[in-house]
């Protein structure tokens, strides 16, 4: 599953197929996965129930994404991350089979 992250004026937007699916501001977090409990539900079978979390601590200039020990991983701009990584403006976030 592919997403694009864009930071703009103190907020993060996650885009999918040309539409914003989530907005985050400093001090917020969001969960990505297949489970109904996820904030952003992704139905692809290669996405784990609770696949990744995006966190933006209020004391940091940028948010970061954390892989929650998913089966198929997380990649940023095609490069798989080990555990967590900062989200830069315009980065493509790949989850599951695409990672």
PDB file of N, CA and C in Angstrom:
ATOM      1  N   UNK A   1       0.849  -1.168   0.000  1.00  0.00           N
ATOM      2  CA  UNK A   1       0.000   0.000   0.000  1.00  0.00           C
ATOM      3  C   UNK A   1       0.897   1.234   0.000  1.00  0.00           C
ATOM      4  N   UNK A   2       0.645   2.152  -0.856  1.00  0.00           N
ATOM      5  CA  UNK A   2       1.472   3.343  -1.006  1.00  0.00           C
ATOM      6  C   UNK A   2       0.757   4.569  -0.455  1.00  0.00           C
ATOM      7  N   UNK A   3       1.512   5.379   0.228  1.00  0.00           N
ATOM      8  CA  UNK A   3       1.028   6.631   0.789  1.00  0.00           C
ATOM      9  C   UNK A   3       2.101   7.683   0.539  1.00  0.00           C
ATOM     10  N   UNK A   4       1.695   8.918   0.452  1.00  0.00           N
ATOM     11  CA  UNK A   4       2.645  10.008   0.403  1.00  0.00           C
ATOM     12  C   UNK A   4       2.436  10.862   1.640  1.00  0.00           C
ATOM     13  N   UNK A   5       3.539  11.283   2.238  1.00  0.00           N
ATOM     14  CA  UNK A   5       3.472  12.141   3.422  1.00  0.00           C
ATOM     15  C   UNK A   5       3.935  13.531   3.013  1.00  0.00           C
ATOM     16  N   UNK A   6       3.200  14.521   3.466  1.00  0.00           N
ATOM     17  CA  UNK A   6       3.578  15.902   3.163  1.00  0.00           C
ATOM     18  C   UNK A   6       3.417  16.730   4.427  1.00  0.00           C
ATOM     19  N   UNK A   7       4.505  17.409   4.812  1.00  0.00           N
ATOM     20  CA  UNK A   7       4.449  18.304   5.961  1.00  0.00           C
ATOM     21  C   UNK A   7       4.201  19.702   5.458  1.00  0.00           C
ATOM     22  N   UNK A   8       3.303  20.387   6.115  1.00  0.00           N
ATOM     23  CA  UNK A   8       2.963  21.734   5.687  1.00  0.00           C
ATOM     24  C   UNK A   8       2.505  22.544   6.887  1.00  0.00           C
ATOM     25  N   UNK A   9       3.188  23.635   7.162  1.00  0.00           N
ATOM     26  CA  UNK A   9       2.807  24.554   8.238  1.00  0.00           C
ATOM     27  C   UNK A   9       2.424  23.839   9.534  1.00  0.00           C
ATOM     28  N   UNK A  10       3.338  23.010  10.045  1.00  0.00           N
ATOM     29  CA  UNK A  10       3.103  22.375  11.325  1.00  0.00           C
ATOM     30  C   UNK A  10       2.083  21.252  11.305  1.00  0.00           C
ATOM     31  N   UNK A  11       1.869  20.636  10.155  1.00  0.00           N
ATOM     32  CA  UNK A  11       0.987  19.470  10.114  1.00  0.00           C
ATOM     33  C   UNK A  11       1.494  18.486   9.058  1.00  0.00           C
ATOM     34  N   UNK A  12       1.105  17.251   9.234  1.00  0.00           N
ATOM     35  CA  UNK A  12       1.454  16.180   8.307  1.00  0.00           C
ATOM     36  C   UNK A  12       0.177  15.706   7.642  1.00  0.00           C
ATOM     37  N   UNK A  13       0.233  15.496   6.343  1.00  0.00           N
ATOM     38  CA  UNK A  13      -0.896  14.925   5.617  1.00  0.00           C
ATOM     39  C   UNK A  13      -0.457  13.625   4.968  1.00  0.00           C
ATOM     40  N   UNK A  14      -1.287  12.589   5.095  1.00  0.00           N
ATOM     41  CA  UNK A  14      -1.075  11.331   4.386  1.00  0.00           C
ATOM     42  C   UNK A  14      -2.053  11.287   3.228  1.00  0.00           C
ATOM     43  N   UNK A  15      -1.519  11.026   2.032  1.00  0.00           N
ATOM     44  CA  UNK A  15      -2.332  11.011   0.814  1.00  0.00           C
ATOM     45  C   UNK A  15      -2.351   9.602   0.238  1.00  0.00           C
ATOM     46  N   UNK A  16      -3.492   9.240  -0.339  1.00  0.00           N
ATOM     47  CA  UNK A  16      -3.607   7.989  -1.080  1.00  0.00           C
ATOM     48  C   UNK A  16      -4.528   8.232  -2.259  1.00  0.00           C
ATOM     49  N   UNK A  17      -4.051   7.906  -3.433  1.00  0.00           N
ATOM     50  CA  UNK A  17      -4.833   8.079  -4.669  1.00  0.00           C
ATOM     51  C   UNK A  17      -5.412   9.482  -4.793  1.00  0.00           C
ATOM     52  N   UNK A  18      -4.586  10.487  -4.483  1.00  0.00           N
ATOM     53  CA  UNK A  18      -4.978  11.874  -4.676  1.00  0.00           C
ATOM     54  C   UNK A  18      -5.864  12.473  -3.603  1.00  0.00           C
ATOM     55  N   UNK A  19      -6.110  11.735  -2.507  1.00  0.00           N
ATOM     56  CA  UNK A  19      -6.961  12.256  -1.444  1.00  0.00           C
ATOM     57  C   UNK A  19      -6.257  12.154  -0.093  1.00  0.00           C
ATOM     58  N   UNK A  20      -6.495  13.147   0.747  1.00  0.00           N
ATOM     59  CA  UNK A  20      -5.942  13.134   2.103  1.00  0.00           C
ATOM     60  C   UNK A  20      -6.706  12.093   2.914  1.00  0.00           C
ATOM     61  N   UNK A  21      -5.975  11.165   3.548  1.00  0.00           N
ATOM     62  CA  UNK A  21      -6.611  10.143   4.374  1.00  0.00           C
ATOM     63  C   UNK A  21      -6.362  10.364   5.864  1.00  0.00           C
ATOM     64  N   UNK A  22      -5.419  11.255   6.193  1.00  0.00           N
ATOM     65  CA  UNK A  22      -5.115  11.515   7.590  1.00  0.00           C
ATOM     66  C   UNK A  22      -4.335  12.821   7.710  1.00  0.00           C
ATOM     67  N   UNK A  23      -4.618  13.586   8.768  1.00  0.00           N
ATOM     68  CA  UNK A  23      -3.858  14.792   9.085  1.00  0.00           C
ATOM     69  C   UNK A  23      -3.347  14.675  10.511  1.00  0.00           C
ATOM     70  N   UNK A  24      -2.106  15.083  10.725  1.00  0.00           N
ATOM     71  CA  UNK A  24      -1.479  15.001  12.040  1.00  0.00           C
ATOM     72  C   UNK A  24      -0.798  16.316  12.349  1.00  0.00           C
ATOM     73  N   UNK A  25      -0.836  16.724  13.605  1.00  0.00           N
ATOM     74  CA  UNK A  25      -0.150  17.925  14.081  1.00  0.00           C
ATOM     75  C   UNK A  25       0.805  17.505  15.191  1.00  0.00           C
ATOM     76  N   UNK A  26       1.765  18.361  15.542  1.00  0.00           N
ATOM     77  CA  UNK A  26       2.668  18.020  16.651  1.00  0.00           C
ATOM     78  C   UNK A  26       1.869  17.619  17.886  1.00  0.00           C
ATOM     79  N   UNK A  27       2.349  16.569  18.560  1.00  0.00           N
ATOM     80  CA  UNK A  27       1.680  16.061  19.745  1.00  0.00           C
ATOM     81  C   UNK A  27       0.669  14.968  19.460  1.00  0.00           C
ATOM     82  N   UNK A  28       0.497  14.603  18.170  1.00  0.00           N
ATOM     83  CA  UNK A  28      -0.485  13.574  17.809  1.00  0.00           C
ATOM     84  C   UNK A  28       0.199  12.321  17.281  1.00  0.00           C
ATOM     85  N   UNK A  29      -0.585  11.246  17.187  1.00  0.00           N
ATOM     86  CA  UNK A  29      -0.108   9.971  16.621  1.00  0.00           C
ATOM     87  C   UNK A  29      -1.258   9.312  15.888  1.00  0.00           C
ATOM     88  N   UNK A  30      -0.926   8.399  14.988  1.00  0.00           N
ATOM     89  CA  UNK A  30      -1.957   7.651  14.268  1.00  0.00           C
ATOM     90  C   UNK A  30      -1.441   6.249  13.986  1.00  0.00           C
ATOM     91  N   UNK A  31      -2.356   5.299  13.955  1.00  0.00           N
ATOM     92  CA  UNK A  31      -2.028   3.896  13.724  1.00  0.00           C
ATOM     93  C   UNK A  31      -2.499   3.502  12.328  1.00  0.00           C
ATOM     94  N   UNK A  32      -1.673   2.728  11.614  1.00  0.00           N
ATOM     95  CA  UNK A  32      -1.991   2.238  10.275  1.00  0.00           C
ATOM     96  C   UNK A  32      -2.041   0.716  10.311  1.00  0.00           C
ATOM     97  N   UNK A  33      -3.068   0.123   9.720  1.00  0.00           N
ATOM     98  CA  UNK A  33      -3.139  -1.333   9.674  1.00  0.00           C
ATOM     99  C   UNK A  33      -4.465  -1.836   9.161  1.00  0.00           C
ATOM    100  N   UNK A  34      -4.608  -3.165   9.158  1.00  0.00           N
ATOM    101  CA  UNK A  34      -5.830  -3.813   8.681  1.00  0.00           C
ATOM    102  C   UNK A  34      -6.925  -3.863   9.732  1.00  0.00           C
ATOM    103  N   UNK A  35      -6.574  -3.787  10.992  1.00  0.00           N
ATOM    104  CA  UNK A  35      -7.547  -3.930  12.081  1.00  0.00           C
ATOM    105  C   UNK A  35      -8.524  -2.754  12.108  1.00  0.00           C
ATOM    106  N   UNK A  36      -9.778  -3.014  12.438  1.00  0.00           N
ATOM    107  CA  UNK A  36     -10.755  -1.932  12.562  1.00  0.00           C
ATOM    108  C   UNK A  36     -10.340  -0.885  13.599  1.00  0.00           C
ATOM    109  N   UNK A  37      -9.506  -1.274  14.554  1.00  0.00           N
ATOM    110  CA  UNK A  37      -9.052  -0.338  15.585  1.00  0.00           C
ATOM    111  C   UNK A  37      -8.010   0.660  15.068  1.00  0.00           C
ATOM    112  N   UNK A  38      -7.442   0.415  13.890  1.00  0.00           N
ATOM    113  CA  UNK A  38      -6.445   1.333  13.319  1.00  0.00           C
ATOM    114  C   UNK A  38      -7.125   2.644  12.931  1.00  0.00           C
ATOM    115  N   UNK A  39      -6.387   3.747  13.048  1.00  0.00           N
ATOM    116  CA  UNK A  39      -6.922   5.052  12.647  1.00  0.00           C
ATOM    117  C   UNK A  39      -7.078   5.138  11.132  1.00  0.00           C
ATOM    118  N   UNK A  40      -6.119   4.560  10.405  1.00  0.00           N
ATOM    119  CA  UNK A  40      -6.185   4.478   8.945  1.00  0.00           C
ATOM    120  C   UNK A  40      -6.216   2.990   8.606  1.00  0.00           C
ATOM    121  N   UNK A  41      -7.369   2.502   8.165  1.00  0.00           N
ATOM    122  CA  UNK A  41      -7.544   1.076   7.876  1.00  0.00           C
ATOM    123  C   UNK A  41      -7.168   0.804   6.422  1.00  0.00           C
ATOM    124  N   UNK A  42      -6.264  -0.178   6.251  1.00  0.00           N
ATOM    125  CA  UNK A  42      -5.789  -0.589   4.935  1.00  0.00           C
ATOM    126  C   UNK A  42      -6.169  -2.054   4.746  1.00  0.00           C
ATOM    127  N   UNK A  43      -6.901  -2.364   3.714  1.00  0.00           N
ATOM    128  CA  UNK A  43      -7.470  -3.702   3.575  1.00  0.00           C
ATOM    129  C   UNK A  43      -6.594  -4.694   2.813  1.00  0.00           C
ATOM    130  N   UNK A  44      -5.440  -4.289   2.353  1.00  0.00           N
ATOM    131  CA  UNK A  44      -4.589  -5.195   1.584  1.00  0.00           C
ATOM    132  C   UNK A  44      -4.091  -6.334   2.481  1.00  0.00           C
ATOM    133  N   UNK A  45      -4.121  -7.584   1.990  1.00  0.00           N
ATOM    134  CA  UNK A  45      -3.729  -8.725   2.830  1.00  0.00           C
ATOM    135  C   UNK A  45      -2.268  -8.716   3.282  1.00  0.00           C
ATOM    136  N   UNK A  46      -1.394  -7.981   2.616  1.00  0.00           N
ATOM    137  CA  UNK A  46       0.011  -7.944   3.026  1.00  0.00           C
ATOM    138  C   UNK A  46       0.273  -6.922   4.141  1.00  0.00           C
ATOM    139  N   UNK A  47      -0.758  -6.182   4.522  1.00  0.00           N
ATOM    140  CA  UNK A  47      -0.645  -5.211   5.622  1.00  0.00           C
ATOM    141  C   UNK A  47      -1.052  -5.918   6.908  1.00  0.00           C
ATOM    142  N   UNK A  48      -0.217  -5.799   7.937  1.00  0.00           N
ATOM    143  CA  UNK A  48      -0.511  -6.417   9.230  1.00  0.00           C
ATOM    144  C   UNK A  48      -1.671  -5.700   9.908  1.00  0.00           C
ATOM    145  N   UNK A  49      -2.272  -6.382  10.891  1.00  0.00           N
ATOM    146  CA  UNK A  49      -3.410  -5.802  11.612  1.00  0.00           C
ATOM    147  C   UNK A  49      -3.041  -4.441  12.205  1.00  0.00           C
ATOM    148  N   UNK A  50      -1.951  -4.373  12.912  1.00  0.00           N
ATOM    149  CA  UNK A  50      -1.402  -3.097  13.398  1.00  0.00           C
ATOM    150  C   UNK A  50       0.005  -3.011  12.826  1.00  0.00           C
ATOM    151  N   UNK A  51       0.127  -2.394  11.688  1.00  0.00           N
ATOM    152  CA  UNK A  51       1.341  -2.441  10.863  1.00  0.00           C
ATOM    153  C   UNK A  51       2.369  -1.389  11.264  1.00  0.00           C
ATOM    154  N   UNK A  52       1.932  -0.135  11.391  1.00  0.00           N
ATOM    155  CA  UNK A  52       2.865   0.959  11.665  1.00  0.00           C
ATOM    156  C   UNK A  52       2.157   2.065  12.435  1.00  0.00           C
ATOM    157  N   UNK A  53       2.963   2.876  13.091  1.00  0.00           N
ATOM    158  CA  UNK A  53       2.436   4.018  13.839  1.00  0.00           C
ATOM    159  C   UNK A  53       3.233   5.249  13.414  1.00  0.00           C
ATOM    160  N   UNK A  54       2.529   6.352  13.231  1.00  0.00           N
ATOM    161  CA  UNK A  54       3.186   7.636  12.969  1.00  0.00           C
ATOM    162  C   UNK A  54       3.014   8.475  14.228  1.00  0.00           C
ATOM    163  N   UNK A  55       4.127   8.979  14.717  1.00  0.00           N
ATOM    164  CA  UNK A  55       4.138   9.758  15.954  1.00  0.00           C
ATOM    165  C   UNK A  55       4.811  11.095  15.680  1.00  0.00           C
ATOM    166  N   UNK A  56       4.233  12.154  16.223  1.00  0.00           N
ATOM    167  CA  UNK A  56       4.847  13.471  16.118  1.00  0.00           C
ATOM    168  C   UNK A  56       4.915  14.073  17.517  1.00  0.00           C
ATOM    169  N   UNK A  57       5.986  13.768  18.263  1.00  0.00           N
ATOM    170  CA  UNK A  57       6.125  14.353  19.601  1.00  0.00           C
ATOM    171  C   UNK A  57       6.133  15.876  19.511  1.00  0.00           C
ATOM    172  N   UNK A  58       5.487  16.513  20.463  1.00  0.00           N
ATOM    173  CA  UNK A  58       5.381  17.972  20.449  1.00  0.00           C
ATOM    174  C   UNK A  58       6.714  18.688  20.516  1.00  0.00           C
ATOM    175  N   UNK A  59       7.752  17.999  21.007  1.00  0.00           N
ATOM    176  CA  UNK A  59       9.064  18.631  21.138  1.00  0.00           C
ATOM    177  C   UNK A  59       9.983  18.364  19.947  1.00  0.00           C
ATOM    178  N   UNK A  60       9.481  17.709  18.903  1.00  0.00           N
ATOM    179  CA  UNK A  60      10.292  17.410  17.714  1.00  0.00           C
ATOM    180  C   UNK A  60       9.814  18.222  16.528  1.00  0.00           C
ATOM    181  N   UNK A  61      10.750  18.545  15.656  1.00  0.00           N
ATOM    182  CA  UNK A  61      10.422  19.338  14.468  1.00  0.00           C
ATOM    183  C   UNK A  61       9.705  18.518  13.410  1.00  0.00           C
ATOM    184  N   UNK A  62       9.862  17.196  13.451  1.00  0.00           N
ATOM    185  CA  UNK A  62       9.279  16.349  12.405  1.00  0.00           C
ATOM    186  C   UNK A  62       8.690  15.075  13.006  1.00  0.00           C
ATOM    187  N   UNK A  63       7.683  14.515  12.354  1.00  0.00           N
ATOM    188  CA  UNK A  63       7.115  13.236  12.793  1.00  0.00           C
ATOM    189  C   UNK A  63       8.009  12.079  12.360  1.00  0.00           C
ATOM    190  N   UNK A  64       7.763  10.906  12.938  1.00  0.00           N
ATOM    191  CA  UNK A  64       8.467   9.714  12.488  1.00  0.00           C
ATOM    192  C   UNK A  64       7.489   8.554  12.406  1.00  0.00           C
ATOM    193  N   UNK A  65       7.865   7.559  11.601  1.00  0.00           N
ATOM    194  CA  UNK A  65       7.057   6.352  11.440  1.00  0.00           C
ATOM    195  C   UNK A  65       7.796   5.206  12.096  1.00  0.00           C
ATOM    196  N   UNK A  66       7.038   4.336  12.722  1.00  0.00           N
ATOM    197  CA  UNK A  66       7.599   3.194  13.430  1.00  0.00           C
ATOM    198  C   UNK A  66       6.928   1.920  12.923  1.00  0.00           C
ATOM    199  N   UNK A  67       7.733   0.949  12.483  1.00  0.00           N
ATOM    200  CA  UNK A  67       7.227  -0.361  12.074  1.00  0.00           C
ATOM    201  C   UNK A  67       6.922  -1.146  13.353  1.00  0.00           C
ATOM    202  N   UNK A  68       5.713  -1.654  13.471  1.00  0.00           N
ATOM    203  CA  UNK A  68       5.288  -2.373  14.680  1.00  0.00           C
ATOM    204  C   UNK A  68       5.514  -3.880  14.529  1.00  0.00           C
ATOM    205  N   UNK A  69       6.726  -4.242  14.129  1.00  0.00           N
ATOM    206  CA  UNK A  69       7.094  -5.648  13.915  1.00  0.00           C
ATOM    207  C   UNK A  69       6.156  -6.326  12.917  1.00  0.00           C
ATOM    208  N   UNK A  70       5.821  -5.589  11.864  1.00  0.00           N
ATOM    209  CA  UNK A  70       4.926  -6.116  10.831  1.00  0.00           C
ATOM    210  C   UNK A  70       5.596  -7.264  10.078  1.00  0.00           C
ATOM    211  N   UNK A  71       4.794  -8.093   9.474  1.00  0.00           N
ATOM    212  CA  UNK A  71       5.294  -9.234   8.709  1.00  0.00           C
ATOM    213  C   UNK A  71       6.038  -8.786   7.443  1.00  0.00           C
ATOM    214  N   UNK A  72       5.537  -7.737   6.759  1.00  0.00           N
ATOM    215  CA  UNK A  72       6.075  -7.347   5.457  1.00  0.00           C
ATOM    216  C   UNK A  72       6.767  -5.994   5.416  1.00  0.00           C
ATOM    217  N   UNK A  73       6.893  -5.310   6.535  1.00  0.00           N
ATOM    218  CA  UNK A  73       7.729  -4.132   6.621  1.00  0.00           C
ATOM    219  C   UNK A  73       7.141  -2.810   6.149  1.00  0.00           C
ATOM    220  N   UNK A  74       7.994  -1.788   6.307  1.00  0.00           N
ATOM    221  CA  UNK A  74       7.697  -0.403   5.930  1.00  0.00           C
ATOM    222  C   UNK A  74       8.888   0.110   5.133  1.00  0.00           C
ATOM    223  N   UNK A  75       8.619   0.825   4.062  1.00  0.00           N
ATOM    224  CA  UNK A  75       9.692   1.433   3.268  1.00  0.00           C
ATOM    225  C   UNK A  75       9.354   2.899   3.027  1.00  0.00           C
ATOM    226  N   UNK A  76      10.393   3.711   2.970  1.00  0.00           N
ATOM    227  CA  UNK A  76      10.263   5.130   2.629  1.00  0.00           C
ATOM    228  C   UNK A  76      11.015   5.352   1.330  1.00  0.00           C
ATOM    229  N   UNK A  77      10.311   5.829   0.327  1.00  0.00           N
ATOM    230  CA  UNK A  77      10.888   6.031  -1.009  1.00  0.00           C
ATOM    231  C   UNK A  77      11.614   4.780  -1.501  1.00  0.00           C
ATOM    232  N   UNK A  78      10.992   3.616  -1.233  1.00  0.00           N
ATOM    233  CA  UNK A  78      11.535   2.358  -1.730  1.00  0.00           C
ATOM    234  C   UNK A  78      12.623   1.734  -0.884  1.00  0.00           C
ATOM    235  N   UNK A  79      13.024   2.380   0.216  1.00  0.00           N
ATOM    236  CA  UNK A  79      14.080   1.845   1.083  1.00  0.00           C
ATOM    237  C   UNK A  79      13.458   1.389   2.403  1.00  0.00           C
ATOM    238  N   UNK A  80      13.610   0.113   2.671  1.00  0.00           N
ATOM    239  CA  UNK A  80      13.019  -0.472   3.880  1.00  0.00           C
ATOM    240  C   UNK A  80      13.664   0.103   5.140  1.00  0.00           C
ATOM    241  N   UNK A  81      12.854   0.383   6.151  1.00  0.00           N
ATOM    242  CA  UNK A  81      13.387   0.887   7.411  1.00  0.00           C
ATOM    243  C   UNK A  81      13.543  -0.275   8.387  1.00  0.00           C
ATOM    244  N   UNK A  82      14.488  -0.147   9.327  1.00  0.00           N
ATOM    245  CA  UNK A  82      14.718  -1.202  10.315  1.00  0.00           C
ATOM    246  C   UNK A  82      13.642  -1.181  11.398  1.00  0.00           C
ATOM    247  N   UNK A  83      13.396  -0.033  11.991  1.00  0.00           N
ATOM    248  CA  UNK A  83      12.402   0.079  13.058  1.00  0.00           C
ATOM    249  C   UNK A  83      11.623   1.389  12.961  1.00  0.00           C
ATOM    250  N   UNK A  84      12.345   2.512  12.849  1.00  0.00           N
ATOM    251  CA  UNK A  84      11.666   3.807  12.740  1.00  0.00           C
ATOM    252  C   UNK A  84      12.514   4.760  11.906  1.00  0.00           C
ATOM    253  N   UNK A  85      11.843   5.785  11.387  1.00  0.00           N
ATOM    254  CA  UNK A  85      12.538   6.779  10.570  1.00  0.00           C
ATOM    255  C   UNK A  85      11.728   8.067  10.547  1.00  0.00           C
ATOM    256  N   UNK A  86      12.438   9.182  10.421  1.00  0.00           N
ATOM    257  CA  UNK A  86      11.778  10.486  10.313  1.00  0.00           C
ATOM    258  C   UNK A  86      11.089  10.604   8.959  1.00  0.00           C
ATOM    259  N   UNK A  87       9.929  11.249   8.951  1.00  0.00           N
ATOM    260  CA  UNK A  87       9.198  11.474   7.709  1.00  0.00           C
ATOM    261  C   UNK A  87       9.552  12.841   7.137  1.00  0.00           C
ATOM    262  N   UNK A  88      10.152  12.833   5.976  1.00  0.00           N
ATOM    263  CA  UNK A  88      10.486  14.071   5.277  1.00  0.00           C
ATOM    264  C   UNK A  88       9.322  14.472   4.373  1.00  0.00           C
ATOM    265  N   UNK A  89       9.293  15.710   4.009  1.00  0.00           N
ATOM    266  CA  UNK A  89       8.250  16.220   3.119  1.00  0.00           C
ATOM    267  C   UNK A  89       8.292  15.485   1.788  1.00  0.00           C
ATOM    268  N   UNK A  90       7.142  15.008   1.340  1.00  0.00           N
ATOM    269  CA  UNK A  90       7.023  14.372   0.034  1.00  0.00           C
ATOM    270  C   UNK A  90       7.451  12.927  -0.034  1.00  0.00           C
ATOM    271  N   UNK A  91       7.840  12.322   1.085  1.00  0.00           N
ATOM    272  CA  UNK A  91       8.314  10.944   1.077  1.00  0.00           C
ATOM    273  C   UNK A  91       7.161   9.991   0.745  1.00  0.00           C
ATOM    274  N   UNK A  92       7.473   8.942  -0.017  1.00  0.00           N
ATOM    275  CA  UNK A  92       6.488   7.907  -0.300  1.00  0.00           C
ATOM    276  C   UNK A  92       6.619   6.825   0.759  1.00  0.00           C
ATOM    277  N   UNK A  93       5.515   6.524   1.445  1.00  0.00           N
ATOM    278  CA  UNK A  93       5.465   5.513   2.494  1.00  0.00           C
ATOM    279  C   UNK A  93       4.848   4.260   1.897  1.00  0.00           C
ATOM    280  N   UNK A  94       5.585   3.137   1.967  1.00  0.00           N
ATOM    281  CA  UNK A  94       5.111   1.883   1.419  1.00  0.00           C
ATOM    282  C   UNK A  94       4.947   0.883   2.553  1.00  0.00           C
ATOM    283  N   UNK A  95       3.788   0.223   2.599  1.00  0.00           N
ATOM    284  CA  UNK A  95       3.505  -0.769   3.629  1.00  0.00           C
ATOM    285  C   UNK A  95       3.207  -2.111   2.981  1.00  0.00           C
ATOM    286  N   UNK A  96       3.575  -3.191   3.646  1.00  0.00           N
ATOM    287  CA  UNK A  96       3.213  -4.512   3.176  1.00  0.00           C
ATOM    288  C   UNK A  96       4.018  -4.970   1.979  1.00  0.00           C
ATOM    289  N   UNK A  97       3.349  -5.582   1.007  1.00  0.00           N
ATOM    290  CA  UNK A  97       4.003  -6.205  -0.140  1.00  0.00           C
ATOM    291  C   UNK A  97       4.847  -5.214  -0.938  1.00  0.00           C
ATOM    292  N   UNK A  98       4.490  -3.945  -0.930  1.00  0.00           N
ATOM    293  CA  UNK A  98       5.246  -2.952  -1.701  1.00  0.00           C
ATOM    294  C   UNK A  98       6.539  -2.541  -1.001  1.00  0.00           C
ATOM    295  N   UNK A  99       6.635  -2.799   0.305  1.00  0.00           N
ATOM    296  CA  UNK A  99       7.838  -2.420   1.058  1.00  0.00           C
ATOM    297  C   UNK A  99       8.939  -3.378   0.707  1.00  0.00           C
TER     298      UNK A  99
END
